[in-house]
Amino acid sequence: MACRGKLTCPARFGPVREVTHEADTGLVLEVAFEGLQRSTRHKSGVAMRFPRISRLRWDKPPREADRLETLEKMLETTAGNTLAPSS
């Protein structure tokens, strides 16, 4: 079934759908990953290596969740714009 109207259809970015949220309502997911790097392929400009949802954060409202800026700061502190687990 096709979407009819912008109010019922989230924005699409290839196979990815935009998730809408507000400061006090929404779902917060904790995402674990093996590495982080800059990406020209993804709209966010960041790619996670082996991302996985580690848990749902029912205790945390969206206003307290980390944002893309947090990942960008992590990349800035690493050489070569790649963050990988230490051995």
C-alpha atoms as a PDB file:
ATOM      1  CA  MET A   1       0.000   0.000   0.000  1.00  0.00           C
ATOM      2  CA  ALA A   2       1.400   3.404  -0.978  1.00  0.00           C
ATOM      3  CA  CYS A   3       1.630   6.315   1.465  1.00  0.00           C
ATOM      4  CA  ARG A   4      -0.756   9.166   0.862  1.00  0.00           C
ATOM      5  CA  GLY A   5       0.288  12.525   2.263  1.00  0.00           C
ATOM      6  CA  LYS A   6       3.293  13.759   4.206  1.00  0.00           C
ATOM      7  CA  LEU A   7       1.614  13.446   7.613  1.00  0.00           C
ATOM      8  CA  THR A   8       1.375   9.665   7.366  1.00  0.00           C
ATOM      9  CA  CYS A   9       4.602   8.945   5.469  1.00  0.00           C
ATOM     10  CA  PRO A  10       8.059   9.237   7.012  1.00  0.00           C
ATOM     11  CA  ALA A  11      10.890  10.572   4.863  1.00  0.00           C
ATOM     12  CA  ARG A  12      12.757   7.864   2.940  1.00  0.00           C
ATOM     13  CA  PHE A  13      16.482   7.561   2.358  1.00  0.00           C
ATOM     14  CA  GLY A  14      16.839   4.412   0.253  1.00  0.00           C
ATOM     15  CA  PRO A  15      15.651   1.508   2.423  1.00  0.00           C
ATOM     16  CA  VAL A  16      15.873   3.670   5.577  1.00  0.00           C
ATOM     17  CA  ARG A  17      12.883   5.513   7.035  1.00  0.00           C
ATOM     18  CA  GLU A  18      13.078   8.650   9.119  1.00  0.00           C
ATOM     19  CA  VAL A  19      12.001   8.250  12.736  1.00  0.00           C
ATOM     20  CA  THR A  20      10.080  11.158  14.183  1.00  0.00           C
ATOM     21  CA  HIS A  21      10.356  12.092  17.851  1.00  0.00           C
ATOM     22  CA  GLU A  22       9.852  14.893  20.325  1.00  0.00           C
ATOM     23  CA  ALA A  23      11.840  15.907  23.406  1.00  0.00           C
ATOM     24  CA  ASP A  24       9.580  13.951  25.763  1.00  0.00           C
ATOM     25  CA  THR A  25       8.091  11.240  23.573  1.00  0.00           C
ATOM     26  CA  GLY A  26       9.876   8.657  21.494  1.00  0.00           C
ATOM     27  CA  LEU A  27      11.877   5.474  21.727  1.00  0.00           C
ATOM     28  CA  VAL A  28      15.535   5.518  22.772  1.00  0.00           C
ATOM     29  CA  LEU A  29      17.731   2.662  21.534  1.00  0.00           C
ATOM     30  CA  GLU A  30      21.194   1.869  22.857  1.00  0.00           C
ATOM     31  CA  VAL A  31      23.383   0.948  19.893  1.00  0.00           C
ATOM     32  CA  ALA A  32      26.644  -0.978  20.264  1.00  0.00           C
ATOM     33  CA  PHE A  33      29.231  -1.058  17.468  1.00  0.00           C
ATOM     34  CA  GLU A  34      32.740  -2.324  16.726  1.00  0.00           C
ATOM     35  CA  GLY A  35      34.105   0.739  14.962  1.00  0.00           C
ATOM     36  CA  LEU A  36      33.202   4.174  13.674  1.00  0.00           C
ATOM     37  CA  GLN A  37      34.338   6.063  10.574  1.00  0.00           C
ATOM     38  CA  ARG A  38      33.448   8.960   8.302  1.00  0.00           C
ATOM     39  CA  SER A  39      31.196   8.084   5.374  1.00  0.00           C
ATOM     40  CA  THR A  40      30.136   9.886   2.208  1.00  0.00           C
ATOM     41  CA  ARG A  41      27.615   7.143   1.527  1.00  0.00           C
ATOM     42  CA  HIS A  42      25.389   7.770   4.551  1.00  0.00           C
ATOM     43  CA  LYS A  43      23.331  10.905   5.075  1.00  0.00           C
ATOM     44  CA  SER A  44      24.662  11.285   8.640  1.00  0.00           C
ATOM     45  CA  GLY A  45      28.266  11.314   7.413  1.00  0.00           C
ATOM     46  CA  VAL A  46      29.140   8.544   9.886  1.00  0.00           C
ATOM     47  CA  ALA A  47      29.215   4.755   9.500  1.00  0.00           C
ATOM     48  CA  MET A  48      29.203   2.236  12.342  1.00  0.00           C
ATOM     49  CA  ARG A  49      30.912  -1.120  11.930  1.00  0.00           C
ATOM     50  CA  PHE A  50      28.686  -4.014  13.011  1.00  0.00           C
ATOM     51  CA  PRO A  51      25.981  -1.887  14.669  1.00  0.00           C
ATOM     52  CA  ARG A  52      23.452  -3.684  16.852  1.00  0.00           C
ATOM     53  CA  ILE A  53      20.701  -2.626  19.204  1.00  0.00           C
ATOM     54  CA  SER A  54      21.914  -3.665  22.634  1.00  0.00           C
ATOM     55  CA  ARG A  55      18.806  -2.581  24.554  1.00  0.00           C
ATOM     56  CA  LEU A  56      15.754  -0.358  24.651  1.00  0.00           C
ATOM     57  CA  ARG A  57      16.111   2.539  27.074  1.00  0.00           C
ATOM     58  CA  TRP A  58      12.633   2.858  28.567  1.00  0.00           C
ATOM     59  CA  ASP A  59      14.165   4.907  31.398  1.00  0.00           C
ATOM     60  CA  LYS A  60      15.600   7.624  29.110  1.00  0.00           C
ATOM     61  CA  PRO A  61      13.575  10.284  27.255  1.00  0.00           C
ATOM     62  CA  PRO A  62      14.818  11.361  23.801  1.00  0.00           C
ATOM     63  CA  ARG A  63      16.071  14.722  25.120  1.00  0.00           C
ATOM     64  CA  GLU A  64      18.677  12.826  27.210  1.00  0.00           C
ATOM     65  CA  ALA A  65      19.874  10.567  24.391  1.00  0.00           C
ATOM     66  CA  ASP A  66      23.202  11.152  22.638  1.00  0.00           C
ATOM     67  CA  ARG A  67      23.094  12.846  19.263  1.00  0.00           C
ATOM     68  CA  LEU A  68      25.126  12.623  16.078  1.00  0.00           C
ATOM     69  CA  GLU A  69      27.400  15.328  17.465  1.00  0.00           C
ATOM     70  CA  THR A  70      28.614  12.829  20.104  1.00  0.00           C
ATOM     71  CA  LEU A  71      29.786  10.425  17.390  1.00  0.00           C
ATOM     72  CA  GLU A  72      31.443  13.281  15.498  1.00  0.00           C
ATOM     73  CA  LYS A  73      33.373  14.285  18.632  1.00  0.00           C
ATOM     74  CA  MET A  74      34.493  10.665  19.047  1.00  0.00           C
ATOM     75  CA  LEU A  75      35.849  10.737  15.487  1.00  0.00           C
ATOM     76  CA  GLU A  76      37.634  14.060  16.032  1.00  0.00           C
ATOM     77  CA  THR A  77      39.625  12.591  18.924  1.00  0.00           C
ATOM     78  CA  THR A  78      40.976   9.734  16.789  1.00  0.00           C
ATOM     79  CA  ALA A  79      43.650   9.813  14.118  1.00  0.00           C
ATOM     80  CA  GLY A  80      42.563   9.107  10.555  1.00  0.00           C
ATOM     81  CA  ASN A  81      38.852   9.539  11.385  1.00  0.00           C
ATOM     82  CA  THR A  82      38.478   5.877  12.280  1.00  0.00           C
ATOM     83  CA  LEU A  83      37.514   4.610  15.711  1.00  0.00           C
ATOM     84  CA  ALA A  84      38.052   0.920  16.339  1.00  0.00           C
ATOM     85  CA  PRO A  85      38.252  -1.146  19.514  1.00  0.00           C
ATOM     86  CA  SER A  86      41.680  -1.334  21.095  1.00  0.00           C
ATOM     87  CA  SER A  87      43.463  -4.698  21.170  1.00  0.00           C
END
